[in-house]
Amino acid sequence: MSLEPSSPEELMSPFRIHSGNAALLVVDIQERLCAAMEKEPLERVLKRAGAAIEGAKALHLPILVTEQYPKGLGPTHHQLCEHLGEFKAVEKLEFSAATADVLTSLKGRKQVLLAGMETHICVFQTARDLLEKGFEVFLLADAVLSRSAEDRRVGFELCKEVGARVTTVESALFDMLGRAGSPEFKLISAAVK
């Protein structure tokens, strides 16, 4: 019996994010929902979510976007649309974004970087459901938001309790990048400024 790894997955450390195995999931950052958020925290989250999108594009990650009841909550926020370019959001009524359409669109990627709102509802339920389905979930702490700081704090705790790893946009992107000196490094460095 050989002790050599038999697949690329076996070579992957469970403590690293790998660009070839990761996807970005942006959950419900929508115009009318954003209008209910405090202005300064919202501006920070929009900036960091935009950086996550730009970094994911530089690393060629699948980028999935969901919209919770868009008829009531509106489309994806216009600032994110500028980063996304042409995209088709997955519309949903479920709070969790781990829908059949999203799972299919992950295309076998098992690590999910999670951004969105609200932390204690849709983001938490998405993290829980993905973890239950065998995915590794990385909660982008600076790219998630709730209407209240307390709900956001509790959302973090809930996500950690079910097994999500908490990181930041910059930490996750540079973890996948691994080294400087590449065109991707330049793109990501510009995105996170």
N, C-alpha and C. Protein backbone atom coordinates (compact mmCIF):
# COMPACT_ATOMS: atom_id res chain seq x y z
N MET A 1 0.84 -1.19 0.00
CA MET A 1 0.00 0.00 0.00
C MET A 1 0.88 1.25 0.00
N SER A 2 0.61 2.15 -0.91
CA SER A 2 1.39 3.37 -1.04
C SER A 2 0.92 4.42 -0.05
N LEU A 3 1.86 5.15 0.51
CA LEU A 3 1.52 6.25 1.40
C LEU A 3 1.43 7.57 0.65
N GLU A 4 1.71 7.55 -0.64
CA GLU A 4 1.64 8.75 -1.47
C GLU A 4 0.18 9.18 -1.63
N PRO A 5 -0.09 10.48 -1.63
CA PRO A 5 -1.46 10.94 -1.87
C PRO A 5 -1.92 10.48 -3.25
N SER A 6 -3.19 10.06 -3.32
CA SER A 6 -3.70 9.55 -4.59
C SER A 6 -4.49 10.58 -5.38
N SER A 7 -4.75 11.75 -4.81
CA SER A 7 -5.49 12.77 -5.53
C SER A 7 -5.03 14.15 -5.07
N PRO A 8 -5.30 15.18 -5.90
CA PRO A 8 -4.93 16.54 -5.50
C PRO A 8 -5.61 16.96 -4.20
N GLU A 9 -6.84 16.46 -3.96
CA GLU A 9 -7.56 16.82 -2.74
C GLU A 9 -6.80 16.36 -1.50
N GLU A 10 -6.15 15.20 -1.60
CA GLU A 10 -5.41 14.69 -0.45
C GLU A 10 -4.19 15.54 -0.14
N LEU A 11 -3.69 16.27 -1.14
CA LEU A 11 -2.55 17.15 -0.92
C LEU A 11 -2.95 18.44 -0.22
N MET A 12 -4.24 18.75 -0.21
CA MET A 12 -4.70 20.02 0.33
C MET A 12 -4.79 19.97 1.85
N SER A 13 -4.22 20.98 2.48
CA SER A 13 -4.31 21.11 3.92
C SER A 13 -5.72 21.56 4.28
N PRO A 14 -6.29 21.03 5.35
CA PRO A 14 -7.62 21.48 5.77
C PRO A 14 -7.60 22.89 6.37
N PHE A 15 -6.41 23.45 6.55
CA PHE A 15 -6.31 24.76 7.16
C PHE A 15 -6.02 25.86 6.15
N ARG A 16 -6.01 25.53 4.87
CA ARG A 16 -5.72 26.50 3.81
C ARG A 16 -6.91 26.62 2.87
N ILE A 17 -7.03 27.80 2.30
CA ILE A 17 -8.03 27.99 1.25
C ILE A 17 -7.29 27.83 -0.07
N HIS A 18 -7.82 27.00 -0.95
CA HIS A 18 -7.17 26.70 -2.23
C HIS A 18 -8.02 27.26 -3.37
N SER A 19 -7.42 28.08 -4.20
CA SER A 19 -8.18 28.73 -5.27
C SER A 19 -8.81 27.71 -6.22
N GLY A 20 -8.19 26.57 -6.40
CA GLY A 20 -8.75 25.55 -7.28
C GLY A 20 -9.91 24.79 -6.68
N ASN A 21 -10.19 25.03 -5.40
CA ASN A 21 -11.26 24.31 -4.72
C ASN A 21 -12.27 25.27 -4.08
N ALA A 22 -12.11 26.58 -4.31
CA ALA A 22 -12.92 27.58 -3.63
C ALA A 22 -13.87 28.30 -4.58
N ALA A 23 -14.93 28.85 -3.98
CA ALA A 23 -15.89 29.69 -4.69
C ALA A 23 -16.31 30.81 -3.74
N LEU A 24 -16.76 31.92 -4.31
CA LEU A 24 -17.28 33.04 -3.52
C LEU A 24 -18.79 33.04 -3.64
N LEU A 25 -19.47 33.08 -2.49
CA LEU A 25 -20.93 33.16 -2.46
C LEU A 25 -21.33 34.47 -1.78
N VAL A 26 -21.98 35.35 -2.54
CA VAL A 26 -22.44 36.65 -2.04
C VAL A 26 -23.94 36.54 -1.81
N VAL A 27 -24.33 36.60 -0.54
CA VAL A 27 -25.70 36.32 -0.13
C VAL A 27 -26.49 37.62 0.11
N ASP A 28 -27.44 37.90 -0.76
CA ASP A 28 -28.50 38.87 -0.52
C ASP A 28 -28.06 40.30 -0.18
N ILE A 29 -27.02 40.79 -0.81
CA ILE A 29 -26.64 42.20 -0.60
C ILE A 29 -27.45 43.01 -1.61
N GLN A 30 -28.67 43.36 -1.19
CA GLN A 30 -29.67 43.94 -2.09
C GLN A 30 -30.02 45.37 -1.68
N GLU A 31 -30.45 46.14 -2.67
CA GLU A 31 -30.70 47.57 -2.50
C GLU A 31 -31.59 47.89 -1.29
N ARG A 32 -32.77 47.30 -1.21
CA ARG A 32 -33.70 47.68 -0.14
C ARG A 32 -33.26 47.15 1.21
N LEU A 33 -32.59 46.01 1.22
CA LEU A 33 -32.05 45.49 2.48
C LEU A 33 -30.91 46.39 2.96
N CYS A 34 -30.09 46.84 2.04
CA CYS A 34 -28.99 47.75 2.40
C CYS A 34 -29.51 49.06 2.97
N ALA A 35 -30.66 49.51 2.49
CA ALA A 35 -31.24 50.77 2.97
C ALA A 35 -31.59 50.70 4.46
N ALA A 36 -31.76 49.50 4.99
CA ALA A 36 -32.10 49.32 6.40
C ALA A 36 -30.87 49.24 7.30
N MET A 37 -29.68 49.25 6.71
CA MET A 37 -28.43 49.11 7.47
C MET A 37 -27.88 50.47 7.87
N GLU A 38 -27.08 50.49 8.93
CA GLU A 38 -26.38 51.72 9.32
C GLU A 38 -25.39 52.09 8.22
N LYS A 39 -25.27 53.38 7.95
CA LYS A 39 -24.51 53.85 6.79
C LYS A 39 -23.03 53.46 6.82
N GLU A 40 -22.31 53.75 7.90
CA GLU A 40 -20.87 53.48 7.93
C GLU A 40 -20.54 52.00 7.84
N PRO A 41 -21.18 51.14 8.64
CA PRO A 41 -20.89 49.71 8.49
C PRO A 41 -21.24 49.19 7.09
N LEU A 42 -22.33 49.70 6.52
CA LEU A 42 -22.72 49.28 5.18
C LEU A 42 -21.65 49.66 4.16
N GLU A 43 -21.15 50.89 4.23
CA GLU A 43 -20.11 51.32 3.29
C GLU A 43 -18.88 50.43 3.37
N ARG A 44 -18.49 50.05 4.60
CA ARG A 44 -17.32 49.16 4.77
C ARG A 44 -17.59 47.79 4.15
N VAL A 45 -18.78 47.25 4.40
CA VAL A 45 -19.11 45.92 3.88
C VAL A 45 -19.19 45.94 2.36
N LEU A 46 -19.78 46.97 1.78
CA LEU A 46 -19.84 47.06 0.32
C LEU A 46 -18.43 47.13 -0.28
N LYS A 47 -17.55 47.88 0.37
CA LYS A 47 -16.17 47.99 -0.12
C LYS A 47 -15.47 46.64 -0.03
N ARG A 48 -15.61 45.95 1.10
CA ARG A 48 -14.93 44.67 1.28
C ARG A 48 -15.54 43.58 0.40
N ALA A 49 -16.85 43.59 0.24
CA ALA A 49 -17.49 42.61 -0.66
C ALA A 49 -17.03 42.86 -2.10
N GLY A 50 -16.90 44.13 -2.48
CA GLY A 50 -16.37 44.45 -3.80
C GLY A 50 -14.95 43.95 -3.98
N ALA A 51 -14.13 44.09 -2.93
CA ALA A 51 -12.75 43.57 -2.98
C ALA A 51 -12.75 42.05 -3.10
N ALA A 52 -13.67 41.40 -2.40
CA ALA A 52 -13.77 39.93 -2.49
C ALA A 52 -14.11 39.51 -3.92
N ILE A 53 -15.02 40.24 -4.55
CA ILE A 53 -15.40 39.93 -5.93
C ILE A 53 -14.22 40.13 -6.87
N GLU A 54 -13.53 41.26 -6.73
CA GLU A 54 -12.37 41.52 -7.60
C GLU A 54 -11.28 40.46 -7.39
N GLY A 55 -11.04 40.10 -6.14
CA GLY A 55 -10.05 39.06 -5.86
C GLY A 55 -10.45 37.71 -6.41
N ALA A 56 -11.72 37.38 -6.27
CA ALA A 56 -12.22 36.11 -6.81
C ALA A 56 -12.08 36.08 -8.33
N LYS A 57 -12.34 37.21 -8.98
CA LYS A 57 -12.16 37.28 -10.43
C LYS A 57 -10.69 37.08 -10.80
N ALA A 58 -9.79 37.71 -10.06
CA ALA A 58 -8.36 37.59 -10.34
C ALA A 58 -7.88 36.14 -10.20
N LEU A 59 -8.48 35.42 -9.26
CA LEU A 59 -8.09 34.03 -9.00
C LEU A 59 -8.95 33.02 -9.76
N HIS A 60 -9.85 33.53 -10.59
CA HIS A 60 -10.72 32.69 -11.42
C HIS A 60 -11.63 31.77 -10.60
N LEU A 61 -12.14 32.29 -9.48
CA LEU A 61 -13.08 31.53 -8.67
C LEU A 61 -14.49 31.71 -9.23
N PRO A 62 -15.32 30.69 -9.13
CA PRO A 62 -16.74 30.91 -9.42
C PRO A 62 -17.30 31.93 -8.42
N ILE A 63 -18.12 32.85 -8.91
CA ILE A 63 -18.76 33.84 -8.05
C ILE A 63 -20.26 33.64 -8.19
N LEU A 64 -20.89 33.33 -7.07
CA LEU A 64 -22.33 33.10 -7.05
C LEU A 64 -22.99 34.20 -6.23
N VAL A 65 -24.11 34.69 -6.71
CA VAL A 65 -24.83 35.78 -6.06
C VAL A 65 -26.27 35.34 -5.87
N THR A 66 -26.79 35.53 -4.65
CA THR A 66 -28.21 35.23 -4.42
C THR A 66 -28.96 36.51 -4.09
N GLU A 67 -30.26 36.46 -4.37
CA GLU A 67 -31.16 37.55 -4.02
C GLU A 67 -32.38 36.96 -3.33
N GLN A 68 -32.63 37.42 -2.11
CA GLN A 68 -33.78 37.00 -1.32
C GLN A 68 -34.99 37.82 -1.75
N TYR A 69 -36.01 37.16 -2.28
CA TYR A 69 -37.26 37.83 -2.66
C TYR A 69 -36.99 39.20 -3.30
N PRO A 70 -36.38 39.22 -4.50
CA PRO A 70 -35.99 40.49 -5.12
C PRO A 70 -37.16 41.44 -5.38
N LYS A 71 -38.37 40.90 -5.53
CA LYS A 71 -39.54 41.77 -5.73
C LYS A 71 -39.72 42.71 -4.54
N GLY A 72 -39.42 42.22 -3.35
CA GLY A 72 -39.57 43.04 -2.15
C GLY A 72 -38.29 43.72 -1.72
N LEU A 73 -37.15 43.03 -1.87
CA LEU A 73 -35.88 43.56 -1.36
C LEU A 73 -35.00 44.19 -2.43
N GLY A 74 -35.48 44.15 -3.67
CA GLY A 74 -34.74 44.78 -4.75
C GLY A 74 -33.60 43.93 -5.28
N PRO A 75 -32.90 44.46 -6.29
CA PRO A 75 -31.79 43.73 -6.91
C PRO A 75 -30.52 43.83 -6.06
N THR A 76 -29.50 43.15 -6.50
CA THR A 76 -28.17 43.27 -5.89
C THR A 76 -27.75 44.73 -5.92
N HIS A 77 -27.11 45.17 -4.84
CA HIS A 77 -26.70 46.58 -4.70
C HIS A 77 -25.86 47.02 -5.90
N HIS A 78 -26.15 48.22 -6.38
CA HIS A 78 -25.48 48.72 -7.60
C HIS A 78 -23.96 48.77 -7.49
N GLN A 79 -23.42 49.02 -6.29
CA GLN A 79 -21.96 49.06 -6.15
C GLN A 79 -21.35 47.69 -6.42
N LEU A 80 -22.03 46.63 -6.01
CA LEU A 80 -21.52 45.29 -6.28
C LEU A 80 -21.70 44.93 -7.74
N CYS A 81 -22.78 45.41 -8.34
CA CYS A 81 -23.00 45.14 -9.77
C CYS A 81 -21.85 45.69 -10.61
N GLU A 82 -21.29 46.82 -10.20
CA GLU A 82 -20.14 47.39 -10.92
C GLU A 82 -18.95 46.43 -10.90
N HIS A 83 -18.75 45.73 -9.80
CA HIS A 83 -17.66 44.76 -9.70
C HIS A 83 -18.00 43.46 -10.42
N LEU A 84 -19.26 43.08 -10.36
CA LEU A 84 -19.66 41.79 -10.92
C LEU A 84 -19.70 41.79 -12.44
N GLY A 85 -20.03 42.93 -13.04
CA GLY A 85 -20.23 42.93 -14.48
C GLY A 85 -21.50 42.16 -14.80
N GLU A 86 -21.45 41.38 -15.86
CA GLU A 86 -22.63 40.59 -16.24
C GLU A 86 -22.75 39.37 -15.33
N PHE A 87 -23.91 39.21 -14.70
CA PHE A 87 -24.13 38.06 -13.83
C PHE A 87 -25.63 37.78 -13.75
N LYS A 88 -25.95 36.59 -13.33
CA LYS A 88 -27.34 36.22 -13.09
C LYS A 88 -27.46 35.75 -11.66
N ALA A 89 -28.21 36.49 -10.86
CA ALA A 89 -28.40 36.11 -9.46
C ALA A 89 -29.34 34.92 -9.36
N VAL A 90 -29.11 34.11 -8.34
CA VAL A 90 -30.02 33.02 -8.01
C VAL A 90 -31.09 33.61 -7.10
N GLU A 91 -32.32 33.64 -7.57
CA GLU A 91 -33.41 34.16 -6.75
C GLU A 91 -33.91 33.07 -5.82
N LYS A 92 -34.28 33.48 -4.59
CA LYS A 92 -34.71 32.49 -3.61
C LYS A 92 -35.73 33.10 -2.66
N LEU A 93 -36.50 32.22 -2.05
CA LEU A 93 -37.38 32.60 -0.95
C LEU A 93 -36.86 32.02 0.36
N GLU A 94 -36.08 30.94 0.27
CA GLU A 94 -35.48 30.34 1.45
C GLU A 94 -34.50 31.32 2.06
N PHE A 95 -34.33 31.27 3.37
CA PHE A 95 -33.31 32.11 3.99
C PHE A 95 -31.92 31.60 3.64
N SER A 96 -31.74 30.29 3.64
CA SER A 96 -30.45 29.72 3.28
C SER A 96 -30.20 29.87 1.79
N ALA A 97 -28.96 30.19 1.44
CA ALA A 97 -28.58 30.27 0.03
C ALA A 97 -28.02 28.94 -0.47
N ALA A 98 -28.06 27.92 0.35
CA ALA A 98 -27.57 26.60 -0.07
C ALA A 98 -28.68 25.87 -0.82
N THR A 99 -29.17 26.52 -1.87
CA THR A 99 -30.26 25.97 -2.67
C THR A 99 -29.69 25.01 -3.71
N ALA A 100 -30.56 24.26 -4.34
CA ALA A 100 -30.13 23.30 -5.37
C ALA A 100 -29.37 24.02 -6.49
N ASP A 101 -29.87 25.19 -6.92
CA ASP A 101 -29.19 25.95 -7.99
C ASP A 101 -27.79 26.38 -7.58
N VAL A 102 -27.64 26.84 -6.35
CA VAL A 102 -26.32 27.26 -5.87
C VAL A 102 -25.39 26.06 -5.77
N LEU A 103 -25.88 24.97 -5.20
CA LEU A 103 -25.04 23.78 -5.04
C LEU A 103 -24.55 23.28 -6.40
N THR A 104 -25.42 23.29 -7.39
CA THR A 104 -25.03 22.87 -8.74
C THR A 104 -23.98 23.83 -9.31
N SER A 105 -24.16 25.12 -9.08
CA SER A 105 -23.24 26.12 -9.63
C SER A 105 -21.86 26.11 -8.97
N LEU A 106 -21.73 25.47 -7.82
CA LEU A 106 -20.42 25.38 -7.16
C LEU A 106 -19.47 24.48 -7.94
N LYS A 107 -20.01 23.66 -8.83
CA LYS A 107 -19.21 22.85 -9.76
C LYS A 107 -18.12 22.04 -9.06
N GLY A 108 -18.49 21.39 -7.98
CA GLY A 108 -17.54 20.51 -7.30
C GLY A 108 -16.58 21.21 -6.35
N ARG A 109 -16.63 22.53 -6.28
CA ARG A 109 -15.77 23.24 -5.33
C ARG A 109 -16.29 22.97 -3.91
N LYS A 110 -15.41 22.69 -2.98
CA LYS A 110 -15.83 22.31 -1.63
C LYS A 110 -15.52 23.36 -0.57
N GLN A 111 -14.88 24.46 -0.95
CA GLN A 111 -14.61 25.55 -0.01
C GLN A 111 -15.41 26.77 -0.47
N VAL A 112 -16.18 27.33 0.45
CA VAL A 112 -17.05 28.45 0.10
C VAL A 112 -16.68 29.66 0.96
N LEU A 113 -16.32 30.75 0.29
CA LEU A 113 -16.10 32.03 0.96
C LEU A 113 -17.45 32.73 1.00
N LEU A 114 -17.87 33.13 2.19
CA LEU A 114 -19.23 33.61 2.38
C LEU A 114 -19.25 35.08 2.76
N ALA A 115 -19.95 35.88 1.94
CA ALA A 115 -20.18 37.30 2.21
C ALA A 115 -21.68 37.52 2.16
N GLY A 116 -22.18 38.58 2.81
CA GLY A 116 -23.59 38.87 2.64
C GLY A 116 -24.29 39.39 3.87
N MET A 117 -25.61 39.32 3.80
CA MET A 117 -26.46 39.81 4.88
C MET A 117 -27.77 39.04 4.92
N GLU A 118 -28.41 38.98 6.04
CA GLU A 118 -27.91 39.41 7.31
C GLU A 118 -27.18 38.26 7.99
N THR A 119 -26.16 38.60 8.77
CA THR A 119 -25.26 37.62 9.35
C THR A 119 -26.00 36.57 10.16
N HIS A 120 -26.98 36.98 10.95
CA HIS A 120 -27.65 36.07 11.88
C HIS A 120 -28.80 35.29 11.24
N ILE A 121 -29.16 35.59 10.00
CA ILE A 121 -30.27 34.88 9.36
C ILE A 121 -29.75 34.15 8.13
N CYS A 122 -29.74 34.81 6.99
CA CYS A 122 -29.39 34.13 5.74
C CYS A 122 -27.95 33.65 5.70
N VAL A 123 -27.02 34.44 6.21
CA VAL A 123 -25.62 34.03 6.20
C VAL A 123 -25.42 32.82 7.12
N PHE A 124 -25.95 32.90 8.34
CA PHE A 124 -25.83 31.77 9.27
C PHE A 124 -26.48 30.51 8.70
N GLN A 125 -27.71 30.62 8.22
CA GLN A 125 -28.39 29.42 7.72
C GLN A 125 -27.67 28.84 6.51
N THR A 126 -27.10 29.69 5.69
CA THR A 126 -26.31 29.21 4.54
C THR A 126 -25.07 28.47 5.03
N ALA A 127 -24.35 29.06 5.98
CA ALA A 127 -23.15 28.42 6.52
C ALA A 127 -23.50 27.06 7.11
N ARG A 128 -24.53 27.01 7.93
CA ARG A 128 -24.95 25.75 8.56
C ARG A 128 -25.29 24.70 7.51
N ASP A 129 -26.09 25.08 6.53
CA ASP A 129 -26.53 24.10 5.53
C ASP A 129 -25.37 23.62 4.66
N LEU A 130 -24.45 24.51 4.31
CA LEU A 130 -23.28 24.09 3.53
C LEU A 130 -22.41 23.14 4.34
N LEU A 131 -22.19 23.46 5.61
CA LEU A 131 -21.39 22.59 6.47
C LEU A 131 -22.04 21.22 6.60
N GLU A 132 -23.35 21.19 6.76
CA GLU A 132 -24.06 19.90 6.86
C GLU A 132 -23.91 19.08 5.59
N LYS A 133 -23.69 19.75 4.46
CA LYS A 133 -23.53 19.05 3.17
C LYS A 133 -22.06 18.74 2.87
N GLY A 134 -21.17 19.00 3.82
CA GLY A 134 -19.77 18.62 3.66
C GLY A 134 -18.85 19.68 3.10
N PHE A 135 -19.31 20.91 2.98
CA PHE A 135 -18.47 22.00 2.49
C PHE A 135 -17.66 22.59 3.65
N GLU A 136 -16.52 23.20 3.31
CA GLU A 136 -15.79 24.03 4.26
C GLU A 136 -16.27 25.46 4.02
N VAL A 137 -16.62 26.15 5.09
CA VAL A 137 -17.15 27.50 4.97
C VAL A 137 -16.20 28.48 5.64
N PHE A 138 -15.87 29.54 4.90
CA PHE A 138 -15.01 30.61 5.40
C PHE A 138 -15.84 31.89 5.42
N LEU A 139 -16.21 32.33 6.61
CA LEU A 139 -17.01 33.53 6.79
C LEU A 139 -16.11 34.75 6.67
N LEU A 140 -16.38 35.59 5.69
CA LEU A 140 -15.60 36.81 5.48
C LEU A 140 -16.13 37.88 6.43
N ALA A 141 -15.49 38.00 7.59
CA ALA A 141 -16.00 38.81 8.69
C ALA A 141 -16.23 40.27 8.32
N ASP A 142 -15.41 40.79 7.43
CA ASP A 142 -15.54 42.19 7.05
C ASP A 142 -16.47 42.39 5.86
N ALA A 143 -17.13 41.33 5.42
CA ALA A 143 -18.04 41.42 4.27
C ALA A 143 -19.41 40.84 4.60
N VAL A 144 -19.75 40.83 5.90
CA VAL A 144 -21.09 40.41 6.33
C VAL A 144 -21.65 41.47 7.27
N LEU A 145 -22.98 41.56 7.32
CA LEU A 145 -23.60 42.64 8.09
C LEU A 145 -25.01 42.24 8.52
N SER A 146 -25.43 42.79 9.66
CA SER A 146 -26.81 42.72 10.12
C SER A 146 -27.25 44.14 10.45
N ARG A 147 -28.57 44.31 10.62
CA ARG A 147 -29.06 45.64 10.96
C ARG A 147 -28.55 46.10 12.31
N SER A 148 -28.40 45.18 13.26
CA SER A 148 -27.89 45.57 14.58
C SER A 148 -26.55 44.89 14.84
N ALA A 149 -25.71 45.57 15.61
CA ALA A 149 -24.41 45.01 15.98
C ALA A 149 -24.58 43.73 16.78
N GLU A 150 -25.60 43.67 17.62
CA GLU A 150 -25.84 42.46 18.43
C GLU A 150 -26.19 41.28 17.54
N ASP A 151 -27.06 41.48 16.57
CA ASP A 151 -27.41 40.38 15.66
C ASP A 151 -26.19 39.93 14.86
N ARG A 152 -25.35 40.86 14.46
CA ARG A 152 -24.13 40.50 13.73
C ARG A 152 -23.21 39.68 14.62
N ARG A 153 -23.04 40.11 15.88
CA ARG A 153 -22.19 39.38 16.82
C ARG A 153 -22.71 37.97 17.05
N VAL A 154 -24.01 37.85 17.27
CA VAL A 154 -24.60 36.52 17.49
C VAL A 154 -24.48 35.68 16.22
N GLY A 155 -24.64 36.29 15.07
CA GLY A 155 -24.47 35.57 13.81
C GLY A 155 -23.08 34.97 13.69
N PHE A 156 -22.05 35.75 14.08
CA PHE A 156 -20.67 35.22 14.09
C PHE A 156 -20.57 34.01 15.00
N GLU A 157 -21.11 34.15 16.20
CA GLU A 157 -21.03 33.05 17.16
C GLU A 157 -21.72 31.80 16.62
N LEU A 158 -22.90 31.98 16.05
CA LEU A 158 -23.63 30.84 15.49
C LEU A 158 -22.83 30.17 14.37
N CYS A 159 -22.26 30.98 13.49
CA CYS A 159 -21.47 30.42 12.39
C CYS A 159 -20.27 29.65 12.91
N LYS A 160 -19.58 30.20 13.91
CA LYS A 160 -18.42 29.51 14.48
C LYS A 160 -18.85 28.22 15.19
N GLU A 161 -19.97 28.26 15.90
CA GLU A 161 -20.44 27.08 16.63
C GLU A 161 -20.74 25.91 15.70
N VAL A 162 -21.21 26.19 14.50
CA VAL A 162 -21.51 25.09 13.57
C VAL A 162 -20.31 24.68 12.74
N GLY A 163 -19.18 25.41 12.88
CA GLY A 163 -17.96 24.96 12.22
C GLY A 163 -17.39 25.84 11.13
N ALA A 164 -17.98 27.02 10.90
CA ALA A 164 -17.41 27.93 9.90
C ALA A 164 -16.12 28.53 10.44
N ARG A 165 -15.18 28.79 9.55
CA ARG A 165 -13.94 29.47 9.92
C ARG A 165 -14.12 30.96 9.62
N VAL A 166 -13.72 31.79 10.57
CA VAL A 166 -13.86 33.23 10.40
C VAL A 166 -12.53 33.79 9.91
N THR A 167 -12.60 34.56 8.83
CA THR A 167 -11.42 35.19 8.24
C THR A 167 -11.84 36.56 7.72
N THR A 168 -10.96 37.21 7.01
CA THR A 168 -11.30 38.48 6.36
C THR A 168 -11.08 38.33 4.86
N VAL A 169 -11.57 39.28 4.12
CA VAL A 169 -11.39 39.25 2.66
C VAL A 169 -9.91 39.21 2.32
N GLU A 170 -9.14 40.12 2.91
CA GLU A 170 -7.72 40.19 2.58
C GLU A 170 -6.99 38.91 2.98
N SER A 171 -7.26 38.41 4.17
CA SER A 171 -6.61 37.18 4.63
C SER A 171 -6.92 36.01 3.71
N ALA A 172 -8.18 35.86 3.33
CA ALA A 172 -8.58 34.75 2.46
C ALA A 172 -7.92 34.85 1.08
N LEU A 173 -7.92 36.04 0.51
CA LEU A 173 -7.34 36.21 -0.83
C LEU A 173 -5.84 35.93 -0.84
N PHE A 174 -5.14 36.46 0.15
CA PHE A 174 -3.69 36.23 0.19
C PHE A 174 -3.35 34.80 0.59
N ASP A 175 -4.24 34.14 1.33
CA ASP A 175 -4.03 32.71 1.62
C ASP A 175 -4.07 31.91 0.32
N MET A 176 -5.05 32.20 -0.52
CA MET A 176 -5.14 31.48 -1.80
C MET A 176 -3.98 31.84 -2.72
N LEU A 177 -3.56 33.09 -2.68
CA LEU A 177 -2.49 33.55 -3.56
C LEU A 177 -1.15 32.91 -3.20
N GLY A 178 -0.80 32.93 -1.92
CA GLY A 178 0.38 32.22 -1.45
C GLY A 178 1.71 32.92 -1.63
N ARG A 179 1.82 33.80 -2.61
CA ARG A 179 3.10 34.48 -2.85
C ARG A 179 2.88 35.75 -3.67
N ALA A 180 3.87 36.62 -3.62
CA ALA A 180 3.84 37.88 -4.38
C ALA A 180 4.46 37.66 -5.75
N GLY A 181 4.41 38.72 -6.56
CA GLY A 181 5.15 38.72 -7.82
C GLY A 181 4.38 38.27 -9.04
N SER A 182 3.12 37.98 -8.90
CA SER A 182 2.32 37.52 -10.06
C SER A 182 1.35 38.62 -10.47
N PRO A 183 0.78 38.51 -11.68
CA PRO A 183 -0.25 39.47 -12.09
C PRO A 183 -1.45 39.43 -11.12
N GLU A 184 -1.79 38.25 -10.62
CA GLU A 184 -2.90 38.12 -9.67
C GLU A 184 -2.60 38.89 -8.38
N PHE A 185 -1.34 38.84 -7.94
CA PHE A 185 -0.93 39.57 -6.74
C PHE A 185 -1.19 41.07 -6.92
N LYS A 186 -0.85 41.60 -8.09
CA LYS A 186 -1.06 43.03 -8.35
C LYS A 186 -2.55 43.37 -8.33
N LEU A 187 -3.37 42.52 -8.95
CA LEU A 187 -4.81 42.77 -8.99
C LEU A 187 -5.41 42.72 -7.59
N ILE A 188 -5.01 41.72 -6.81
CA ILE A 188 -5.55 41.58 -5.46
C ILE A 188 -5.07 42.70 -4.56
N SER A 189 -3.81 43.07 -4.67
CA SER A 189 -3.28 44.18 -3.86
C SER A 189 -4.05 45.46 -4.13
N ALA A 190 -4.38 45.71 -5.39
CA ALA A 190 -5.16 46.90 -5.74
C ALA A 190 -6.58 46.79 -5.19
N ALA A 191 -7.16 45.60 -5.23
CA ALA A 191 -8.55 45.41 -4.79
C ALA A 191 -8.72 45.63 -3.30
N VAL A 192 -7.74 45.25 -2.49
CA VAL A 192 -7.92 45.32 -1.04
C VAL A 192 -7.46 46.65 -0.43
N LYS A 193 -6.95 47.58 -1.25
CA LYS A 193 -6.51 48.89 -0.73
C LYS A 193 -7.66 49.67 -0.16
